[in-house]
Amino acid sequence: MPYQALLLPLSSGGPSNLFLNTIVFWGFVLLGMMTIGGFFMFRKFLKVLPKADGMSKLDWQNHWVEKSRHLWGDDAKAFLNLLVQPVPGPFRDIAKHSIAAEIGRIALEEGATEVTRDHCIKGYITATPKRDNKFLIQFLEKNQIDYRPYRHLMNK
């Protein structure tokens, strides 16, 4: 009998039921947020794992940025800042670093004496995921940047 008295308020549909529903709702929200955060942390973890050559993707990015640092002029830096404008603020620095690494790699492999707009456009296109090519084209057209010579770099 005493246990039935304790269970009665929970099944009555009154304020206690609202409290229980609120706890369950926030429990699912918390679980969802932890799942999303875990997904992004796992992706970051995969980038840190060393590849067959002993260096991770992030190691290679840092390598190319450091090796090409002396090639960057003010015009190239300003153009890179323009190219990363569509990236949301919290992710902009990470995107800028990975795009700069790709631009630096291209410039160094071509034996350039400085990073040009040509290198920036090539690096921007190759560093951008293929699933984002639609947005990439819209952004380039909006800023009157001719990307036709680099169409072969895009996956159409």
N, C-alpha and C. Protein backbone atom coordinates (compact mmCIF):
# COMPACT_ATOMS: atom_id res chain seq x y z
N MET A 1 0.79 -1.20 0.00
CA MET A 1 0.00 0.00 0.00
C MET A 1 0.84 1.27 0.00
N PRO A 2 1.90 1.38 0.80
CA PRO A 2 2.65 2.63 0.80
C PRO A 2 3.27 2.94 -0.56
N TYR A 3 3.63 1.90 -1.35
CA TYR A 3 4.24 2.15 -2.66
C TYR A 3 3.24 2.72 -3.65
N GLN A 4 1.99 2.33 -3.55
CA GLN A 4 0.97 2.87 -4.44
C GLN A 4 0.77 4.36 -4.21
N ALA A 5 0.91 4.80 -3.00
CA ALA A 5 0.76 6.22 -2.70
C ALA A 5 1.89 7.03 -3.33
N LEU A 6 3.08 6.44 -3.44
CA LEU A 6 4.20 7.14 -4.06
C LEU A 6 4.05 7.21 -5.57
N LEU A 7 3.47 6.22 -6.19
CA LEU A 7 3.33 6.18 -7.64
C LEU A 7 2.13 6.97 -8.13
N LEU A 8 1.19 7.23 -7.29
CA LEU A 8 -0.02 7.92 -7.69
C LEU A 8 0.23 9.31 -8.26
N PRO A 9 1.06 10.16 -7.67
CA PRO A 9 1.26 11.49 -8.24
C PRO A 9 1.91 11.46 -9.63
N LEU A 10 2.77 10.47 -9.92
CA LEU A 10 3.42 10.42 -11.23
C LEU A 10 2.44 10.05 -12.33
N SER A 11 1.44 9.29 -12.04
CA SER A 11 0.50 8.86 -13.06
C SER A 11 -0.72 9.77 -13.16
N SER A 12 -0.79 10.79 -12.36
CA SER A 12 -1.98 11.63 -12.34
C SER A 12 -2.01 12.65 -13.47
N GLY A 13 -0.90 12.91 -14.15
CA GLY A 13 -0.88 13.86 -15.25
C GLY A 13 -0.75 15.29 -14.80
N GLY A 14 -0.45 15.52 -13.55
CA GLY A 14 -0.32 16.87 -13.00
C GLY A 14 1.06 17.44 -13.22
N PRO A 15 1.49 18.32 -12.37
CA PRO A 15 2.80 18.97 -12.49
C PRO A 15 3.96 17.99 -12.50
N SER A 16 3.82 16.87 -11.80
CA SER A 16 4.91 15.90 -11.77
C SER A 16 5.14 15.29 -13.15
N ASN A 17 4.07 15.08 -13.91
CA ASN A 17 4.19 14.53 -15.25
C ASN A 17 4.93 15.53 -16.16
N LEU A 18 4.66 16.81 -16.00
CA LEU A 18 5.36 17.84 -16.76
C LEU A 18 6.85 17.84 -16.42
N PHE A 19 7.15 17.70 -15.13
CA PHE A 19 8.54 17.64 -14.70
C PHE A 19 9.26 16.44 -15.31
N LEU A 20 8.61 15.28 -15.29
CA LEU A 20 9.21 14.06 -15.85
C LEU A 20 9.43 14.22 -17.37
N ASN A 21 8.45 14.79 -18.05
CA ASN A 21 8.60 15.00 -19.49
C ASN A 21 9.75 15.97 -19.79
N THR A 22 9.90 16.99 -18.96
CA THR A 22 10.99 17.95 -19.14
C THR A 22 12.34 17.27 -18.95
N ILE A 23 12.45 16.43 -17.95
CA ILE A 23 13.70 15.70 -17.70
C ILE A 23 14.02 14.78 -18.87
N VAL A 24 13.04 14.07 -19.38
CA VAL A 24 13.25 13.16 -20.52
C VAL A 24 13.64 13.96 -21.76
N PHE A 25 12.97 15.06 -22.00
CA PHE A 25 13.29 15.90 -23.17
C PHE A 25 14.74 16.38 -23.11
N TRP A 26 15.15 16.96 -21.97
CA TRP A 26 16.52 17.47 -21.86
C TRP A 26 17.54 16.34 -21.86
N GLY A 27 17.13 15.17 -21.42
CA GLY A 27 18.01 14.00 -21.51
C GLY A 27 18.31 13.66 -22.96
N PHE A 28 17.29 13.69 -23.83
CA PHE A 28 17.49 13.43 -25.26
C PHE A 28 18.31 14.54 -25.92
N VAL A 29 18.05 15.79 -25.53
CA VAL A 29 18.83 16.91 -26.08
C VAL A 29 20.30 16.75 -25.72
N LEU A 30 20.58 16.43 -24.47
CA LEU A 30 21.95 16.24 -24.01
C LEU A 30 22.62 15.08 -24.75
N LEU A 31 21.90 13.98 -24.90
CA LEU A 31 22.44 12.83 -25.62
C LEU A 31 22.73 13.19 -27.08
N GLY A 32 21.83 13.94 -27.71
CA GLY A 32 22.06 14.37 -29.10
C GLY A 32 23.27 15.28 -29.23
N MET A 33 23.42 16.23 -28.32
CA MET A 33 24.57 17.14 -28.36
C MET A 33 25.88 16.37 -28.15
N MET A 34 25.87 15.42 -27.24
CA MET A 34 27.07 14.62 -27.00
C MET A 34 27.42 13.78 -28.22
N THR A 35 26.41 13.27 -28.92
CA THR A 35 26.64 12.48 -30.13
C THR A 35 27.25 13.35 -31.22
N ILE A 36 26.71 14.54 -31.42
CA ILE A 36 27.24 15.44 -32.44
C ILE A 36 28.67 15.85 -32.10
N GLY A 37 28.92 16.21 -30.86
CA GLY A 37 30.27 16.58 -30.44
C GLY A 37 31.24 15.43 -30.59
N GLY A 38 30.81 14.24 -30.25
CA GLY A 38 31.65 13.05 -30.39
C GLY A 38 32.00 12.78 -31.84
N PHE A 39 31.05 13.01 -32.74
CA PHE A 39 31.30 12.82 -34.17
C PHE A 39 32.42 13.73 -34.64
N PHE A 40 32.35 15.03 -34.28
CA PHE A 40 33.38 15.97 -34.71
C PHE A 40 34.72 15.69 -34.03
N MET A 41 34.70 15.26 -32.78
CA MET A 41 35.96 14.93 -32.12
C MET A 41 36.59 13.70 -32.76
N PHE A 42 35.78 12.73 -33.18
CA PHE A 42 36.30 11.54 -33.84
C PHE A 42 36.93 11.91 -35.18
N ARG A 43 36.29 12.83 -35.93
CA ARG A 43 36.87 13.27 -37.20
C ARG A 43 38.22 13.94 -36.97
N LYS A 44 38.31 14.76 -35.93
CA LYS A 44 39.58 15.41 -35.60
C LYS A 44 40.63 14.37 -35.21
N PHE A 45 40.21 13.36 -34.47
CA PHE A 45 41.11 12.28 -34.08
C PHE A 45 41.66 11.56 -35.31
N LEU A 46 40.83 11.32 -36.31
CA LEU A 46 41.29 10.64 -37.52
C LEU A 46 42.33 11.46 -38.28
N LYS A 47 42.21 12.80 -38.21
CA LYS A 47 43.19 13.66 -38.89
C LYS A 47 44.55 13.62 -38.20
N VAL A 48 44.58 13.28 -36.92
CA VAL A 48 45.83 13.28 -36.16
C VAL A 48 46.56 11.94 -36.29
N LEU A 49 45.85 10.89 -36.72
CA LEU A 49 46.50 9.59 -36.86
C LEU A 49 47.54 9.63 -37.98
N PRO A 50 48.72 9.06 -37.73
CA PRO A 50 49.75 9.06 -38.78
C PRO A 50 49.37 8.15 -39.95
N LYS A 51 49.75 8.59 -41.13
CA LYS A 51 49.51 7.80 -42.34
C LYS A 51 50.71 6.88 -42.56
N ALA A 52 50.77 6.27 -43.73
CA ALA A 52 51.84 5.32 -44.04
C ALA A 52 53.22 5.98 -44.03
N ASP A 53 53.27 7.27 -44.34
CA ASP A 53 54.56 7.97 -44.36
C ASP A 53 55.00 8.44 -42.97
N GLY A 54 54.19 8.20 -41.95
CA GLY A 54 54.54 8.57 -40.59
C GLY A 54 54.04 9.94 -40.15
N MET A 55 53.46 10.70 -41.08
CA MET A 55 52.93 12.03 -40.73
C MET A 55 51.42 12.04 -40.92
N SER A 56 50.75 12.76 -40.04
CA SER A 56 49.30 12.86 -40.14
C SER A 56 48.92 13.97 -41.12
N LYS A 57 47.61 14.06 -41.39
CA LYS A 57 47.12 15.12 -42.28
C LYS A 57 47.43 16.50 -41.69
N LEU A 58 47.27 16.65 -40.38
CA LEU A 58 47.57 17.93 -39.75
C LEU A 58 49.07 18.23 -39.77
N ASP A 59 49.90 17.20 -39.64
CA ASP A 59 51.35 17.40 -39.75
C ASP A 59 51.72 17.93 -41.13
N TRP A 60 51.11 17.36 -42.16
CA TRP A 60 51.39 17.81 -43.53
C TRP A 60 50.92 19.24 -43.74
N GLN A 61 49.75 19.57 -43.19
CA GLN A 61 49.26 20.95 -43.31
C GLN A 61 50.24 21.93 -42.67
N ASN A 62 50.68 21.62 -41.48
CA ASN A 62 51.65 22.49 -40.80
C ASN A 62 52.96 22.58 -41.58
N HIS A 63 53.38 21.46 -42.15
CA HIS A 63 54.61 21.44 -42.95
C HIS A 63 54.51 22.39 -44.14
N TRP A 64 53.42 22.29 -44.89
CA TRP A 64 53.27 23.13 -46.09
C TRP A 64 53.12 24.60 -45.74
N VAL A 65 52.42 24.90 -44.65
CA VAL A 65 52.27 26.30 -44.23
C VAL A 65 53.63 26.88 -43.85
N GLU A 66 54.41 26.14 -43.08
CA GLU A 66 55.71 26.64 -42.64
C GLU A 66 56.70 26.78 -43.81
N LYS A 67 56.70 25.80 -44.72
CA LYS A 67 57.63 25.85 -45.85
C LYS A 67 57.30 26.99 -46.82
N SER A 68 56.04 27.37 -46.90
CA SER A 68 55.63 28.39 -47.87
C SER A 68 55.41 29.77 -47.24
N ARG A 69 55.68 29.91 -45.96
CA ARG A 69 55.41 31.17 -45.26
C ARG A 69 56.10 32.37 -45.93
N HIS A 70 57.33 32.18 -46.41
CA HIS A 70 58.08 33.29 -47.02
C HIS A 70 57.54 33.68 -48.39
N LEU A 71 56.68 32.87 -48.98
CA LEU A 71 56.14 33.16 -50.31
C LEU A 71 54.89 34.05 -50.27
N TRP A 72 54.32 34.22 -49.11
CA TRP A 72 53.06 34.93 -48.99
C TRP A 72 53.28 36.44 -48.93
N GLY A 73 52.68 37.15 -49.88
CA GLY A 73 52.69 38.61 -49.86
C GLY A 73 51.37 39.13 -49.33
N ASP A 74 51.29 40.44 -49.20
CA ASP A 74 50.06 41.05 -48.67
C ASP A 74 48.86 40.80 -49.57
N ASP A 75 49.08 40.83 -50.90
CA ASP A 75 47.99 40.61 -51.84
C ASP A 75 47.44 39.19 -51.71
N ALA A 76 48.33 38.22 -51.59
CA ALA A 76 47.90 36.83 -51.46
C ALA A 76 47.16 36.60 -50.15
N LYS A 77 47.64 37.22 -49.07
CA LYS A 77 46.96 37.08 -47.78
C LYS A 77 45.56 37.70 -47.82
N ALA A 78 45.46 38.85 -48.45
CA ALA A 78 44.15 39.51 -48.57
C ALA A 78 43.20 38.68 -49.42
N PHE A 79 43.74 38.09 -50.49
CA PHE A 79 42.90 37.25 -51.36
C PHE A 79 42.45 35.99 -50.62
N LEU A 80 43.33 35.41 -49.81
CA LEU A 80 42.95 34.25 -49.00
C LEU A 80 41.84 34.62 -48.02
N ASN A 81 41.95 35.79 -47.40
CA ASN A 81 40.89 36.24 -46.48
C ASN A 81 39.57 36.41 -47.21
N LEU A 82 39.61 36.87 -48.45
CA LEU A 82 38.39 36.97 -49.25
C LEU A 82 37.81 35.59 -49.53
N LEU A 83 38.67 34.64 -49.85
CA LEU A 83 38.20 33.30 -50.20
C LEU A 83 37.54 32.57 -49.03
N VAL A 84 37.97 32.84 -47.82
CA VAL A 84 37.39 32.13 -46.67
C VAL A 84 36.20 32.85 -46.06
N GLN A 85 35.75 33.95 -46.66
CA GLN A 85 34.60 34.69 -46.12
C GLN A 85 33.33 33.85 -46.00
N PRO A 86 33.01 32.93 -46.93
CA PRO A 86 31.76 32.17 -46.78
C PRO A 86 31.78 31.14 -45.64
N VAL A 87 32.94 30.84 -45.11
CA VAL A 87 33.04 29.85 -44.04
C VAL A 87 32.52 30.48 -42.74
N PRO A 88 31.68 29.77 -41.99
CA PRO A 88 31.18 30.31 -40.73
C PRO A 88 32.33 30.67 -39.78
N GLY A 89 32.16 31.73 -39.02
CA GLY A 89 33.19 32.28 -38.15
C GLY A 89 33.94 31.29 -37.29
N PRO A 90 33.23 30.39 -36.56
CA PRO A 90 33.96 29.47 -35.68
C PRO A 90 34.90 28.51 -36.43
N PHE A 91 34.63 28.26 -37.71
CA PHE A 91 35.44 27.31 -38.47
C PHE A 91 36.40 28.00 -39.43
N ARG A 92 36.35 29.32 -39.50
CA ARG A 92 37.12 30.07 -40.50
C ARG A 92 38.62 29.89 -40.35
N ASP A 93 39.14 29.93 -39.13
CA ASP A 93 40.59 29.79 -38.94
C ASP A 93 41.09 28.41 -39.38
N ILE A 94 40.33 27.38 -39.07
CA ILE A 94 40.71 26.02 -39.46
C ILE A 94 40.68 25.89 -40.97
N ALA A 95 39.62 26.42 -41.60
CA ALA A 95 39.52 26.36 -43.06
C ALA A 95 40.64 27.16 -43.71
N LYS A 96 40.94 28.31 -43.16
CA LYS A 96 42.01 29.16 -43.69
C LYS A 96 43.36 28.44 -43.63
N HIS A 97 43.61 27.75 -42.55
CA HIS A 97 44.87 27.02 -42.40
C HIS A 97 44.97 25.89 -43.41
N SER A 98 43.89 25.12 -43.58
CA SER A 98 43.96 24.00 -44.52
C SER A 98 44.03 24.48 -45.96
N ILE A 99 43.35 25.58 -46.29
CA ILE A 99 43.43 26.13 -47.65
C ILE A 99 44.81 26.73 -47.88
N ALA A 100 45.37 27.42 -46.89
CA ALA A 100 46.72 27.99 -47.03
C ALA A 100 47.75 26.88 -47.22
N ALA A 101 47.56 25.75 -46.55
CA ALA A 101 48.48 24.63 -46.71
C ALA A 101 48.44 24.09 -48.14
N GLU A 102 47.24 23.98 -48.68
CA GLU A 102 47.11 23.48 -50.06
C GLU A 102 47.69 24.48 -51.06
N ILE A 103 47.45 25.76 -50.84
CA ILE A 103 48.02 26.80 -51.71
C ILE A 103 49.54 26.77 -51.62
N GLY A 104 50.08 26.66 -50.42
CA GLY A 104 51.52 26.59 -50.24
C GLY A 104 52.13 25.38 -50.92
N ARG A 105 51.45 24.24 -50.81
CA ARG A 105 51.93 23.02 -51.47
C ARG A 105 52.01 23.21 -52.98
N ILE A 106 50.96 23.79 -53.54
CA ILE A 106 50.92 24.01 -54.99
C ILE A 106 52.02 24.97 -55.41
N ALA A 107 52.19 26.05 -54.67
CA ALA A 107 53.22 27.05 -55.02
C ALA A 107 54.61 26.45 -54.93
N LEU A 108 54.88 25.68 -53.89
CA LEU A 108 56.20 25.07 -53.73
C LEU A 108 56.48 24.02 -54.80
N GLU A 109 55.46 23.23 -55.14
CA GLU A 109 55.65 22.20 -56.17
C GLU A 109 55.88 22.82 -57.54
N GLU A 110 55.32 24.00 -57.78
CA GLU A 110 55.55 24.69 -59.05
C GLU A 110 56.86 25.48 -59.04
N GLY A 111 57.53 25.57 -57.89
CA GLY A 111 58.78 26.32 -57.79
C GLY A 111 58.58 27.82 -57.87
N ALA A 112 57.46 28.31 -57.40
CA ALA A 112 57.14 29.74 -57.48
C ALA A 112 57.98 30.54 -56.49
N THR A 113 58.17 31.80 -56.84
CA THR A 113 58.90 32.71 -55.95
C THR A 113 57.97 33.46 -55.01
N GLU A 114 56.67 33.45 -55.33
CA GLU A 114 55.65 34.04 -54.46
C GLU A 114 54.31 33.40 -54.77
N VAL A 115 53.41 33.48 -53.80
CA VAL A 115 52.06 32.95 -53.98
C VAL A 115 51.26 33.97 -54.78
N THR A 116 50.65 33.51 -55.88
CA THR A 116 49.86 34.39 -56.74
C THR A 116 48.38 34.07 -56.59
N ARG A 117 47.55 34.87 -57.24
CA ARG A 117 46.10 34.61 -57.25
C ARG A 117 45.81 33.28 -57.91
N ASP A 118 46.60 32.94 -58.92
CA ASP A 118 46.45 31.67 -59.62
C ASP A 118 46.63 30.50 -58.63
N HIS A 119 47.66 30.57 -57.81
CA HIS A 119 47.89 29.53 -56.80
C HIS A 119 46.74 29.50 -55.80
N CYS A 120 46.28 30.68 -55.41
CA CYS A 120 45.18 30.76 -54.43
C CYS A 120 43.91 30.11 -54.96
N ILE A 121 43.59 30.38 -56.21
CA ILE A 121 42.36 29.80 -56.79
C ILE A 121 42.51 28.28 -56.91
N LYS A 122 43.65 27.82 -57.40
CA LYS A 122 43.89 26.37 -57.51
C LYS A 122 43.80 25.71 -56.13
N GLY A 123 44.48 26.28 -55.15
CA GLY A 123 44.46 25.71 -53.81
C GLY A 123 43.09 25.75 -53.17
N TYR A 124 42.36 26.83 -53.40
CA TYR A 124 41.01 26.96 -52.86
C TYR A 124 40.10 25.88 -53.42
N ILE A 125 40.20 25.65 -54.73
CA ILE A 125 39.35 24.65 -55.37
C ILE A 125 39.71 23.25 -54.90
N THR A 126 41.01 22.94 -54.84
CA THR A 126 41.40 21.58 -54.44
C THR A 126 41.21 21.33 -52.94
N ALA A 127 41.28 22.36 -52.13
CA ALA A 127 41.11 22.17 -50.69
C ALA A 127 39.64 22.10 -50.29
N THR A 128 38.76 22.60 -51.13
CA THR A 128 37.33 22.59 -50.83
C THR A 128 36.76 21.20 -51.12
N PRO A 129 35.99 20.63 -50.20
CA PRO A 129 35.40 19.30 -50.45
C PRO A 129 34.53 19.32 -51.71
N LYS A 130 34.54 18.23 -52.43
CA LYS A 130 33.80 18.14 -53.70
C LYS A 130 32.30 18.36 -53.50
N ARG A 131 31.78 18.02 -52.33
CA ARG A 131 30.33 18.20 -52.10
C ARG A 131 29.95 19.68 -52.04
N ASP A 132 30.94 20.56 -51.84
CA ASP A 132 30.68 21.99 -51.74
C ASP A 132 30.97 22.75 -53.03
N ASN A 133 31.17 22.03 -54.13
CA ASN A 133 31.51 22.70 -55.39
C ASN A 133 30.42 23.66 -55.86
N LYS A 134 29.16 23.34 -55.58
CA LYS A 134 28.05 24.22 -55.98
C LYS A 134 28.20 25.58 -55.31
N PHE A 135 28.47 25.58 -54.00
CA PHE A 135 28.64 26.82 -53.26
C PHE A 135 29.93 27.53 -53.67
N LEU A 136 30.95 26.74 -53.97
CA LEU A 136 32.23 27.29 -54.42
C LEU A 136 32.04 28.08 -55.71
N ILE A 137 31.32 27.51 -56.66
CA ILE A 137 31.07 28.18 -57.95
C ILE A 137 30.25 29.45 -57.73
N GLN A 138 29.22 29.37 -56.89
CA GLN A 138 28.41 30.56 -56.61
C GLN A 138 29.25 31.67 -56.01
N PHE A 139 30.15 31.33 -55.09
CA PHE A 139 30.99 32.33 -54.45
C PHE A 139 31.97 32.95 -55.46
N LEU A 140 32.58 32.11 -56.29
CA LEU A 140 33.53 32.63 -57.28
C LEU A 140 32.83 33.54 -58.28
N GLU A 141 31.64 33.15 -58.74
CA GLU A 141 30.89 33.98 -59.69
C GLU A 141 30.44 35.30 -59.05
N LYS A 142 30.03 35.23 -57.79
CA LYS A 142 29.59 36.44 -57.08
C LYS A 142 30.72 37.46 -56.96
N ASN A 143 31.95 36.98 -56.80
CA ASN A 143 33.11 37.86 -56.67
C ASN A 143 33.85 38.08 -57.99
N GLN A 144 33.20 37.74 -59.11
CA GLN A 144 33.76 37.91 -60.45
C GLN A 144 35.16 37.31 -60.58
N ILE A 145 35.34 36.11 -60.06
CA ILE A 145 36.61 35.40 -60.18
C ILE A 145 36.44 34.35 -61.26
N ASP A 146 37.26 34.43 -62.29
CA ASP A 146 37.16 33.50 -63.41
C ASP A 146 37.77 32.15 -63.02
N TYR A 147 36.91 31.14 -62.92
CA TYR A 147 37.36 29.82 -62.51
C TYR A 147 37.38 28.83 -63.67
N ARG A 148 37.01 29.29 -64.89
CA ARG A 148 36.94 28.37 -66.03
C ARG A 148 38.26 27.65 -66.33
N PRO A 149 39.42 28.30 -66.19
CA PRO A 149 40.66 27.56 -66.44
C PRO A 149 40.92 26.44 -65.42
N TYR A 150 40.18 26.45 -64.31
CA TYR A 150 40.41 25.48 -63.25
C TYR A 150 39.26 24.48 -63.11
N ARG A 151 38.37 24.48 -64.10
CA ARG A 151 37.21 23.59 -64.03
C ARG A 151 37.60 22.12 -63.93
N HIS A 152 38.74 21.79 -64.52
CA HIS A 152 39.19 20.39 -64.47
C HIS A 152 39.52 19.94 -63.04
N LEU A 153 39.74 20.88 -62.14
CA LEU A 153 40.02 20.54 -60.75
C LEU A 153 38.76 20.20 -59.97
N MET A 154 37.62 20.59 -60.52
CA MET A 154 36.34 20.33 -59.85
C MET A 154 35.79 19.00 -60.31
N ASN A 155 35.07 18.36 -59.43
CA ASN A 155 34.47 17.06 -59.74
C ASN A 155 33.04 17.28 -60.19
N LYS A 156 32.84 17.35 -61.47
CA LYS A 156 31.49 17.57 -62.01
C LYS A 156 30.88 16.31 -62.49
